[in-house]
Amino acid sequence: MAAASFRWIVQLHKDVSKAARFYLEGLDFTVNVCTLRWAELQSGPLKLAIMQSHSRLHSTRKLNLQDLALAPGEPSICFSRKLSVC
């Protein structure tokens, strides 16, 4: 019998960079993409997507693809071992 496993997890956070830093430094995830509103991290086969949300009731918010788009002139975030804005 095959075991079930997660391939993708999506989390909503008020501060995407702070959440991404936690997974990067605390849990040794690899960062694939990180902006001010969206991050994709990976640990083995598990991929974690972090999306910015200002809602206090995250579980009731619907995913809106327009929320993922960067505003004109919005900087992306680069990771080495320290977080910096590009």
PDB file of N, CA and C in Angstrom:
ATOM      1  N   MET A   1       0.843  -1.179   0.000  1.00  0.00           N
ATOM      2  CA  MET A   1       0.000   0.000   0.000  1.00  0.00           C
ATOM      3  C   MET A   1       0.891   1.246   0.000  1.00  0.00           C
ATOM      4  N   ALA A   2       0.644   2.168  -0.910  1.00  0.00           N
ATOM      5  CA  ALA A   2       1.434   3.392  -1.023  1.00  0.00           C
ATOM      6  C   ALA A   2       0.982   4.410   0.021  1.00  0.00           C
ATOM      7  N   ALA A   3       1.943   5.136   0.549  1.00  0.00           N
ATOM      8  CA  ALA A   3       1.635   6.171   1.533  1.00  0.00           C
ATOM      9  C   ALA A   3       1.269   7.469   0.818  1.00  0.00           C
ATOM     10  N   ALA A   4       0.345   8.200   1.379  1.00  0.00           N
ATOM     11  CA  ALA A   4      -0.027   9.503   0.833  1.00  0.00           C
ATOM     12  C   ALA A   4       1.007  10.539   1.274  1.00  0.00           C
ATOM     13  N   SER A   5       1.275  11.509   0.408  1.00  0.00           N
ATOM     14  CA  SER A   5       2.213  12.565   0.776  1.00  0.00           C
ATOM     15  C   SER A   5       1.791  13.875   0.120  1.00  0.00           C
ATOM     16  N   PHE A   6       2.166  14.970   0.735  1.00  0.00           N
ATOM     17  CA  PHE A   6       1.894  16.290   0.193  1.00  0.00           C
ATOM     18  C   PHE A   6       2.964  16.638  -0.827  1.00  0.00           C
ATOM     19  N   ARG A   7       2.555  17.282  -1.918  1.00  0.00           N
ATOM     20  CA  ARG A   7       3.508  17.801  -2.891  1.00  0.00           C
ATOM     21  C   ARG A   7       3.579  19.318  -2.798  1.00  0.00           C
ATOM     22  N   TRP A   8       2.451  19.965  -2.521  1.00  0.00           N
ATOM     23  CA  TRP A   8       2.367  21.419  -2.407  1.00  0.00           C
ATOM     24  C   TRP A   8       1.580  21.792  -1.160  1.00  0.00           C
ATOM     25  N   ILE A   9       2.042  22.823  -0.480  1.00  0.00           N
ATOM     26  CA  ILE A   9       1.307  23.425   0.635  1.00  0.00           C
ATOM     27  C   ILE A   9       1.290  24.927   0.382  1.00  0.00           C
ATOM     28  N   VAL A  10       0.137  25.552   0.558  1.00  0.00           N
ATOM     29  CA  VAL A  10       0.011  27.005   0.404  1.00  0.00           C
ATOM     30  C   VAL A  10      -0.334  27.591   1.764  1.00  0.00           C
ATOM     31  N   GLN A  11       0.426  28.609   2.166  1.00  0.00           N
ATOM     32  CA  GLN A  11       0.171  29.305   3.423  1.00  0.00           C
ATOM     33  C   GLN A  11      -0.042  30.782   3.144  1.00  0.00           C
ATOM     34  N   LEU A  12      -0.899  31.412   3.930  1.00  0.00           N
ATOM     35  CA  LEU A  12      -1.128  32.847   3.836  1.00  0.00           C
ATOM     36  C   LEU A  12      -0.476  33.509   5.040  1.00  0.00           C
ATOM     37  N   HIS A  13       0.334  34.538   4.784  1.00  0.00           N
ATOM     38  CA  HIS A  13       1.048  35.251   5.846  1.00  0.00           C
ATOM     39  C   HIS A  13       0.965  36.746   5.604  1.00  0.00           C
ATOM     40  N   LYS A  14       0.997  37.510   6.668  1.00  0.00           N
ATOM     41  CA  LYS A  14       1.049  38.964   6.538  1.00  0.00           C
ATOM     42  C   LYS A  14       2.423  39.415   6.061  1.00  0.00           C
ATOM     43  N   ASP A  15       3.486  38.747   6.513  1.00  0.00           N
ATOM     44  CA  ASP A  15       4.855  39.110   6.159  1.00  0.00           C
ATOM     45  C   ASP A  15       5.527  37.927   5.457  1.00  0.00           C
ATOM     46  N   VAL A  16       5.513  37.961   4.122  1.00  0.00           N
ATOM     47  CA  VAL A  16       6.049  36.851   3.326  1.00  0.00           C
ATOM     48  C   VAL A  16       7.535  36.658   3.578  1.00  0.00           C
ATOM     49  N   SER A  17       8.316  37.742   3.604  1.00  0.00           N
ATOM     50  CA  SER A  17       9.758  37.604   3.782  1.00  0.00           C
ATOM     51  C   SER A  17      10.120  37.028   5.149  1.00  0.00           C
ATOM     52  N   LYS A  18       9.382  37.395   6.184  1.00  0.00           N
ATOM     53  CA  LYS A  18       9.627  36.851   7.524  1.00  0.00           C
ATOM     54  C   LYS A  18       9.315  35.350   7.566  1.00  0.00           C
ATOM     55  N   ALA A  19       8.211  34.951   6.949  1.00  0.00           N
ATOM     56  CA  ALA A  19       7.856  33.534   6.901  1.00  0.00           C
ATOM     57  C   ALA A  19       8.866  32.755   6.071  1.00  0.00           C
ATOM     58  N   ALA A  20       9.275  33.316   4.924  1.00  0.00           N
ATOM     59  CA  ALA A  20      10.275  32.639   4.081  1.00  0.00           C
ATOM     60  C   ALA A  20      11.603  32.492   4.816  1.00  0.00           C
ATOM     61  N   ARG A  21      11.997  33.520   5.543  1.00  0.00           N
ATOM     62  CA  ARG A  21      13.253  33.466   6.313  1.00  0.00           C
ATOM     63  C   ARG A  21      13.191  32.353   7.359  1.00  0.00           C
ATOM     64  N   PHE A  22      12.022  32.171   7.998  1.00  0.00           N
ATOM     65  CA  PHE A  22      11.853  31.102   8.985  1.00  0.00           C
ATOM     66  C   PHE A  22      12.109  29.732   8.351  1.00  0.00           C
ATOM     67  N   TYR A  23      11.496  29.498   7.194  1.00  0.00           N
ATOM     68  CA  TYR A  23      11.673  28.207   6.532  1.00  0.00           C
ATOM     69  C   TYR A  23      13.083  28.034   5.973  1.00  0.00           C
ATOM     70  N   LEU A  24      13.686  29.124   5.500  1.00  0.00           N
ATOM     71  CA  LEU A  24      15.045  29.074   4.968  1.00  0.00           C
ATOM     72  C   LEU A  24      16.069  28.797   6.061  1.00  0.00           C
ATOM     73  N   GLU A  25      16.058  29.602   7.102  1.00  0.00           N
ATOM     74  CA  GLU A  25      17.077  29.508   8.148  1.00  0.00           C
ATOM     75  C   GLU A  25      16.739  28.491   9.226  1.00  0.00           C
ATOM     76  N   GLY A  26      15.453  28.385   9.569  1.00  0.00           N
ATOM     77  CA  GLY A  26      15.063  27.501  10.658  1.00  0.00           C
ATOM     78  C   GLY A  26      14.846  26.060  10.251  1.00  0.00           C
ATOM     79  N   LEU A  27      14.332  25.844   9.055  1.00  0.00           N
ATOM     80  CA  LEU A  27      13.992  24.493   8.626  1.00  0.00           C
ATOM     81  C   LEU A  27      14.761  24.054   7.380  1.00  0.00           C
ATOM     82  N   ASP A  28      15.717  24.869   6.935  1.00  0.00           N
ATOM     83  CA  ASP A  28      16.631  24.528   5.847  1.00  0.00           C
ATOM     84  C   ASP A  28      15.925  24.265   4.516  1.00  0.00           C
ATOM     85  N   PHE A  29      14.865  25.006   4.233  1.00  0.00           N
ATOM     86  CA  PHE A  29      14.225  24.930   2.923  1.00  0.00           C
ATOM     87  C   PHE A  29      15.089  25.686   1.912  1.00  0.00           C
ATOM     88  N   THR A  30      14.931  25.390   0.654  1.00  0.00           N
ATOM     89  CA  THR A  30      15.579  26.114  -0.433  1.00  0.00           C
ATOM     90  C   THR A  30      14.568  27.082  -1.014  1.00  0.00           C
ATOM     91  N   VAL A  31      14.994  28.310  -1.285  1.00  0.00           N
ATOM     92  CA  VAL A  31      14.104  29.316  -1.857  1.00  0.00           C
ATOM     93  C   VAL A  31      14.212  29.274  -3.377  1.00  0.00           C
ATOM     94  N   ASN A  32      13.090  29.044  -4.051  1.00  0.00           N
ATOM     95  CA  ASN A  32      13.047  29.063  -5.515  1.00  0.00           C
ATOM     96  C   ASN A  32      12.682  30.450  -6.025  1.00  0.00           C
ATOM     97  N   VAL A  33      11.697  31.088  -5.388  1.00  0.00           N
ATOM     98  CA  VAL A  33      11.226  32.423  -5.773  1.00  0.00           C
ATOM     99  C   VAL A  33      10.792  33.134  -4.499  1.00  0.00           C
ATOM    100  N   CYS A  34      11.109  34.432  -4.408  1.00  0.00           N
ATOM    101  CA  CYS A  34      10.604  35.199  -3.270  1.00  0.00           C
ATOM    102  C   CYS A  34      10.470  36.659  -3.664  1.00  0.00           C
ATOM    103  N   THR A  35       9.252  37.178  -3.537  1.00  0.00           N
ATOM    104  CA  THR A  35       8.989  38.596  -3.745  1.00  0.00           C
ATOM    105  C   THR A  35       8.332  39.113  -2.465  1.00  0.00           C
ATOM    106  N   LEU A  36       7.902  40.347  -2.472  1.00  0.00           N
ATOM    107  CA  LEU A  36       7.247  40.889  -1.285  1.00  0.00           C
ATOM    108  C   LEU A  36       5.882  40.265  -1.041  1.00  0.00           C
ATOM    109  N   ARG A  37       5.260  39.706  -2.090  1.00  0.00           N
ATOM    110  CA  ARG A  37       3.915  39.150  -1.958  1.00  0.00           C
ATOM    111  C   ARG A  37       3.836  37.634  -2.117  1.00  0.00           C
ATOM    112  N   TRP A  38       4.885  36.997  -2.599  1.00  0.00           N
ATOM    113  CA  TRP A  38       4.806  35.579  -2.943  1.00  0.00           C
ATOM    114  C   TRP A  38       6.173  34.927  -2.779  1.00  0.00           C
ATOM    115  N   ALA A  39       6.199  33.702  -2.252  1.00  0.00           N
ATOM    116  CA  ALA A  39       7.440  32.939  -2.158  1.00  0.00           C
ATOM    117  C   ALA A  39       7.147  31.477  -2.453  1.00  0.00           C
ATOM    118  N   GLU A  40       8.110  30.822  -3.082  1.00  0.00           N
ATOM    119  CA  GLU A  40       8.055  29.379  -3.294  1.00  0.00           C
ATOM    120  C   GLU A  40       9.329  28.789  -2.734  1.00  0.00           C
ATOM    121  N   LEU A  41       9.172  27.847  -1.811  1.00  0.00           N
ATOM    122  CA  LEU A  41      10.305  27.194  -1.184  1.00  0.00           C
ATOM    123  C   LEU A  41      10.169  25.688  -1.374  1.00  0.00           C
ATOM    124  N   GLN A  42      11.275  24.974  -1.159  1.00  0.00           N
ATOM    125  CA  GLN A  42      11.251  23.535  -1.374  1.00  0.00           C
ATOM    126  C   GLN A  42      12.130  22.836  -0.356  1.00  0.00           C
ATOM    127  N   SER A  43      11.656  21.662   0.055  1.00  0.00           N
ATOM    128  CA  SER A  43      12.439  20.766   0.900  1.00  0.00           C
ATOM    129  C   SER A  43      12.178  19.356   0.376  1.00  0.00           C
ATOM    130  N   GLY A  44      13.155  18.804  -0.331  1.00  0.00           N
ATOM    131  CA  GLY A  44      12.949  17.511  -0.967  1.00  0.00           C
ATOM    132  C   GLY A  44      11.821  17.638  -1.973  1.00  0.00           C
ATOM    133  N   PRO A  45      10.870  16.704  -1.978  1.00  0.00           N
ATOM    134  CA  PRO A  45       9.765  16.775  -2.939  1.00  0.00           C
ATOM    135  C   PRO A  45       8.655  17.745  -2.527  1.00  0.00           C
ATOM    136  N   LEU A  46       8.694  18.251  -1.293  1.00  0.00           N
ATOM    137  CA  LEU A  46       7.653  19.150  -0.796  1.00  0.00           C
ATOM    138  C   LEU A  46       7.921  20.581  -1.241  1.00  0.00           C
ATOM    139  N   LYS A  47       6.918  21.215  -1.842  1.00  0.00           N
ATOM    140  CA  LYS A  47       7.017  22.619  -2.229  1.00  0.00           C
ATOM    141  C   LYS A  47       6.037  23.418  -1.379  1.00  0.00           C
ATOM    142  N   LEU A  48       6.509  24.553  -0.884  1.00  0.00           N
ATOM    143  CA  LEU A  48       5.714  25.421  -0.029  1.00  0.00           C
ATOM    144  C   LEU A  48       5.536  26.764  -0.725  1.00  0.00           C
ATOM    145  N   ALA A  49       4.301  27.198  -0.890  1.00  0.00           N
ATOM    146  CA  ALA A  49       4.000  28.513  -1.450  1.00  0.00           C
ATOM    147  C   ALA A  49       3.498  29.392  -0.312  1.00  0.00           C
ATOM    148  N   ILE A  50       4.062  30.585  -0.212  1.00  0.00           N
ATOM    149  CA  ILE A  50       3.646  31.544   0.812  1.00  0.00           C
ATOM    150  C   ILE A  50       3.102  32.768   0.083  1.00  0.00           C
ATOM    151  N   MET A  51       1.861  33.118   0.379  1.00  0.00           N
ATOM    152  CA  MET A  51       1.202  34.241  -0.272  1.00  0.00           C
ATOM    153  C   MET A  51       0.858  35.301   0.767  1.00  0.00           C
ATOM    154  N   GLN A  52       1.051  36.557   0.413  1.00  0.00           N
ATOM    155  CA  GLN A  52       0.733  37.642   1.334  1.00  0.00           C
ATOM    156  C   GLN A  52      -0.771  37.794   1.481  1.00  0.00           C
ATOM    157  N   SER A  53      -1.198  37.994   2.711  1.00  0.00           N
ATOM    158  CA  SER A  53      -2.604  38.244   3.004  1.00  0.00           C
ATOM    159  C   SER A  53      -2.688  39.220   4.164  1.00  0.00           C
ATOM    160  N   HIS A  54      -3.537  40.205   4.018  1.00  0.00           N
ATOM    161  CA  HIS A  54      -3.763  41.163   5.107  1.00  0.00           C
ATOM    162  C   HIS A  54      -4.988  40.796   5.923  1.00  0.00           C
ATOM    163  N   SER A  55      -5.650  39.745   5.505  1.00  0.00           N
ATOM    164  CA  SER A  55      -6.873  39.319   6.175  1.00  0.00           C
ATOM    165  C   SER A  55      -6.570  38.730   7.549  1.00  0.00           C
ATOM    166  N   ARG A  56      -7.416  39.021   8.526  1.00  0.00           N
ATOM    167  CA  ARG A  56      -7.268  38.409   9.849  1.00  0.00           C
ATOM    168  C   ARG A  56      -7.822  36.994   9.844  1.00  0.00           C
ATOM    169  N   LEU A  57      -8.705  36.699   8.897  1.00  0.00           N
ATOM    170  CA  LEU A  57      -9.313  35.378   8.798  1.00  0.00           C
ATOM    171  C   LEU A  57      -8.769  34.690   7.556  1.00  0.00           C
ATOM    172  N   HIS A  58      -7.519  34.249   7.609  1.00  0.00           N
ATOM    173  CA  HIS A  58      -6.854  33.676   6.448  1.00  0.00           C
ATOM    174  C   HIS A  58      -7.621  32.510   5.844  1.00  0.00           C
ATOM    175  N   SER A  59      -8.247  31.695   6.661  1.00  0.00           N
ATOM    176  CA  SER A  59      -8.902  30.492   6.149  1.00  0.00           C
ATOM    177  C   SER A  59     -10.122  30.800   5.288  1.00  0.00           C
ATOM    178  N   THR A  60     -10.652  32.024   5.358  1.00  0.00           N
ATOM    179  CA  THR A  60     -11.825  32.346   4.557  1.00  0.00           C
ATOM    180  C   THR A  60     -11.460  33.073   3.267  1.00  0.00           C
ATOM    181  N   ARG A  61     -10.212  33.404   3.089  1.00  0.00           N
ATOM    182  CA  ARG A  61      -9.788  34.139   1.897  1.00  0.00           C
ATOM    183  C   ARG A  61      -9.650  33.209   0.705  1.00  0.00           C
ATOM    184  N   LYS A  62     -10.173  33.633  -0.434  1.00  0.00           N
ATOM    185  CA  LYS A  62     -10.056  32.862  -1.662  1.00  0.00           C
ATOM    186  C   LYS A  62      -8.777  33.268  -2.383  1.00  0.00           C
ATOM    187  N   LEU A  63      -8.137  32.324  -3.034  1.00  0.00           N
ATOM    188  CA  LEU A  63      -6.941  32.603  -3.814  1.00  0.00           C
ATOM    189  C   LEU A  63      -7.324  33.432  -5.030  1.00  0.00           C
ATOM    190  N   ASN A  64      -6.673  34.563  -5.199  1.00  0.00           N
ATOM    191  CA  ASN A  64      -6.920  35.463  -6.303  1.00  0.00           C
ATOM    192  C   ASN A  64      -5.603  35.640  -7.047  1.00  0.00           C
ATOM    193  N   LEU A  65      -5.543  35.220  -8.290  1.00  0.00           N
ATOM    194  CA  LEU A  65      -4.296  35.285  -9.037  1.00  0.00           C
ATOM    195  C   LEU A  65      -3.791  36.702  -9.213  1.00  0.00           C
ATOM    196  N   GLN A  66      -4.664  37.711  -9.170  1.00  0.00           N
ATOM    197  CA  GLN A  66      -4.221  39.096  -9.265  1.00  0.00           C
ATOM    198  C   GLN A  66      -3.392  39.490  -8.043  1.00  0.00           C
ATOM    199  N   ASP A  67      -3.606  38.836  -6.901  1.00  0.00           N
ATOM    200  CA  ASP A  67      -2.829  39.124  -5.698  1.00  0.00           C
ATOM    201  C   ASP A  67      -1.369  38.726  -5.866  1.00  0.00           C
ATOM    202  N   LEU A  68      -1.078  37.829  -6.792  1.00  0.00           N
ATOM    203  CA  LEU A  68       0.281  37.325  -6.968  1.00  0.00           C
ATOM    204  C   LEU A  68       1.132  38.240  -7.832  1.00  0.00           C
ATOM    205  N   ALA A  69       0.504  39.117  -8.589  1.00  0.00           N
ATOM    206  CA  ALA A  69       1.239  39.997  -9.491  1.00  0.00           C
ATOM    207  C   ALA A  69       1.938  41.100  -8.696  1.00  0.00           C
ATOM    208  N   LEU A  70       3.144  41.424  -9.100  1.00  0.00           N
ATOM    209  CA  LEU A  70       3.879  42.510  -8.462  1.00  0.00           C
ATOM    210  C   LEU A  70       3.346  43.851  -8.944  1.00  0.00           C
ATOM    211  N   ALA A  71       3.307  44.810  -8.047  1.00  0.00           N
ATOM    212  CA  ALA A  71       2.939  46.168  -8.424  1.00  0.00           C
ATOM    213  C   ALA A  71       4.093  46.753  -9.242  1.00  0.00           C
ATOM    214  N   PRO A  72       3.821  47.676 -10.165  1.00  0.00           N
ATOM    215  CA  PRO A  72       4.898  48.291 -10.954  1.00  0.00           C
ATOM    216  C   PRO A  72       5.958  48.897 -10.046  1.00  0.00           C
ATOM    217  N   GLY A  73       7.203  48.558 -10.309  1.00  0.00           N
ATOM    218  CA  GLY A  73       8.313  49.085  -9.531  1.00  0.00           C
ATOM    219  C   GLY A  73       8.559  48.385  -8.209  1.00  0.00           C
ATOM    220  N   GLU A  74       7.768  47.371  -7.869  1.00  0.00           N
ATOM    221  CA  GLU A  74       7.950  46.652  -6.612  1.00  0.00           C
ATOM    222  C   GLU A  74       9.204  45.781  -6.700  1.00  0.00           C
ATOM    223  N   PRO A  75      10.104  45.880  -5.746  1.00  0.00           N
ATOM    224  CA  PRO A  75      11.344  45.100  -5.826  1.00  0.00           C
ATOM    225  C   PRO A  75      11.110  43.631  -5.500  1.00  0.00           C
ATOM    226  N   SER A  76      11.946  42.795  -6.064  1.00  0.00           N
ATOM    227  CA  SER A  76      11.924  41.388  -5.676  1.00  0.00           C
ATOM    228  C   SER A  76      12.901  41.222  -4.517  1.00  0.00           C
ATOM    229  N   ILE A  77      12.861  40.083  -3.870  1.00  0.00           N
ATOM    230  CA  ILE A  77      13.732  39.833  -2.723  1.00  0.00           C
ATOM    231  C   ILE A  77      14.708  38.734  -3.092  1.00  0.00           C
ATOM    232  N   CYS A  78      15.969  38.934  -2.790  1.00  0.00           N
ATOM    233  CA  CYS A  78      17.005  37.937  -3.078  1.00  0.00           C
ATOM    234  C   CYS A  78      17.464  37.288  -1.774  1.00  0.00           C
ATOM    235  N   PHE A  79      17.786  36.018  -1.850  1.00  0.00           N
ATOM    236  CA  PHE A  79      18.283  35.317  -0.685  1.00  0.00           C
ATOM    237  C   PHE A  79      19.700  34.821  -0.934  1.00  0.00           C
ATOM    238  N   SER A  80      20.556  35.012   0.007  1.00  0.00           N
ATOM    239  CA  SER A  80      21.793  34.269   0.109  1.00  0.00           C
ATOM    240  C   SER A  80      21.608  33.581   1.431  1.00  0.00           C
ATOM    241  N   ARG A  81      22.369  33.861   2.431  1.00  0.00           N
ATOM    242  CA  ARG A  81      22.029  33.410   3.783  1.00  0.00           C
ATOM    243  C   ARG A  81      21.371  34.566   4.528  1.00  0.00           C
ATOM    244  N   LYS A  82      21.453  35.759   4.011  1.00  0.00           N
ATOM    245  CA  LYS A  82      20.817  36.928   4.611  1.00  0.00           C
ATOM    246  C   LYS A  82      19.791  37.464   3.631  1.00  0.00           C
ATOM    247  N   LEU A  83      18.724  38.009   4.135  1.00  0.00           N
ATOM    248  CA  LEU A  83      17.659  38.546   3.314  1.00  0.00           C
ATOM    249  C   LEU A  83      18.027  39.947   2.860  1.00  0.00           C
ATOM    250  N   SER A  84      17.859  40.235   1.594  1.00  0.00           N
ATOM    251  CA  SER A  84      18.120  41.587   1.110  1.00  0.00           C
ATOM    252  C   SER A  84      17.139  41.904  -0.004  1.00  0.00           C
ATOM    253  N   VAL A  85      16.909  43.164  -0.223  1.00  0.00           N
ATOM    254  CA  VAL A  85      16.009  43.610  -1.296  1.00  0.00           C
ATOM    255  C   VAL A  85      16.839  43.947  -2.504  1.00  0.00           C
ATOM    256  N   CYS A  86      16.468  43.445  -3.676  1.00  0.00           N
ATOM    257  CA  CYS A  86      17.205  43.709  -4.917  1.00  0.00           C
ATOM    258  C   CYS A  86      16.851  45.082  -5.463  1.00  0.00           C
TER     259      CYS A  86
END
